[in-house]
């Protein structure tokens, strides 16, 4: 889901996370990025976001972090490496 409006990341993210729990998607990894004010990062983490990427994040760095995050959430026998 792409969110492109100012402060939409806070209101829609919480809704997305709440619905994911209701629908039993407890293994859903939520990643947000874009022009997100630094003061919103803690709120996003506290409400279930796993990773936040701000402006200037290198795609390769983000990809590594996403894979590492997913890997850390898998049961040991399913880990990728």
Protein backbone atom coordinates (compact mmCIF):
# COMPACT_ATOMS: atom_id res chain seq x y z
CA UNK A 1 0.00 0.00 0.00
CA UNK A 2 1.47 3.34 -0.97
CA UNK A 3 0.63 6.38 1.10
CA UNK A 4 1.59 9.69 -0.44
CA UNK A 5 -0.23 12.35 1.55
CA UNK A 6 1.19 14.38 4.40
CA UNK A 7 0.78 12.54 7.73
CA UNK A 8 -1.18 9.76 6.05
CA UNK A 9 1.49 7.34 7.21
CA UNK A 10 0.37 7.75 10.83
CA UNK A 11 -3.38 7.35 10.43
CA UNK A 12 -3.43 4.69 7.71
CA UNK A 13 -0.55 2.69 9.13
CA UNK A 14 -2.35 2.17 12.43
CA UNK A 15 -5.46 1.07 10.56
CA UNK A 16 -3.45 -1.33 8.40
CA UNK A 17 -1.74 -2.84 11.43
CA UNK A 18 -4.99 -3.22 13.36
CA UNK A 19 -6.67 -4.94 10.44
CA UNK A 20 -3.67 -7.23 9.88
CA UNK A 21 -3.98 -8.45 13.49
CA UNK A 22 -7.73 -8.96 13.06
CA UNK A 23 -7.21 -10.94 9.86
CA UNK A 24 -4.54 -13.13 11.51
CA UNK A 25 -1.68 -11.69 9.48
CA UNK A 26 0.52 -11.55 12.54
CA UNK A 27 3.56 -12.31 10.40
CA UNK A 28 2.99 -9.25 8.21
CA UNK A 29 6.07 -7.03 8.00
CA UNK A 30 5.12 -3.37 7.77
CA UNK A 31 7.67 -1.08 6.11
CA UNK A 32 7.16 2.61 5.51
CA UNK A 33 9.28 5.12 3.72
CA UNK A 34 9.36 8.54 2.20
CA UNK A 35 9.31 12.02 3.60
CA UNK A 36 8.33 11.12 7.14
CA UNK A 37 9.13 13.58 9.93
CA UNK A 38 11.72 12.19 12.36
CA UNK A 39 9.38 12.89 15.27
CA UNK A 40 6.90 10.35 13.83
CA UNK A 41 9.36 7.44 13.78
CA UNK A 42 8.80 6.42 17.42
CA UNK A 43 5.02 6.46 16.96
CA UNK A 44 5.33 4.25 13.90
CA UNK A 45 7.61 1.76 15.68
CA UNK A 46 5.37 1.69 18.76
CA UNK A 47 2.33 0.83 16.69
CA UNK A 48 3.86 -2.06 14.80
CA UNK A 49 5.98 -0.74 11.96
CA UNK A 50 9.11 -2.83 11.57
CA UNK A 51 11.20 -0.49 9.41
CA UNK A 52 11.10 3.19 8.51
CA UNK A 53 13.11 4.58 5.61
CA UNK A 54 13.55 8.30 5.16
CA UNK A 55 14.65 10.35 2.19
CA UNK A 56 18.01 9.40 0.76
CA UNK A 57 17.88 5.77 1.84
CA UNK A 58 19.78 3.65 -0.66
CA UNK A 59 17.61 0.95 -2.19
CA UNK A 60 20.31 -1.65 -1.61
CA UNK A 61 20.54 -0.76 2.10
CA UNK A 62 16.75 -0.89 2.45
CA UNK A 63 16.60 -4.26 0.70
CA UNK A 64 19.19 -5.75 3.03
CA UNK A 65 17.34 -4.44 6.09
CA UNK A 66 14.00 -5.80 4.84
CA UNK A 67 15.49 -9.26 4.18
CA UNK A 68 17.19 -9.22 7.61
CA UNK A 69 13.91 -8.21 9.27
CA UNK A 70 11.96 -10.98 7.55
CA UNK A 71 14.71 -13.47 8.35
CA UNK A 72 14.65 -12.52 12.04
CA UNK A 73 10.90 -13.16 12.22
CA UNK A 74 11.01 -16.63 10.66
CA UNK A 75 11.15 -19.71 12.84
CA UNK A 76 14.71 -21.07 12.98
CA UNK A 77 14.01 -23.91 10.56
CA UNK A 78 12.74 -21.47 7.90
CA UNK A 79 15.54 -18.90 8.08
CA UNK A 80 17.12 -18.02 4.77
CA UNK A 81 20.69 -18.09 5.89
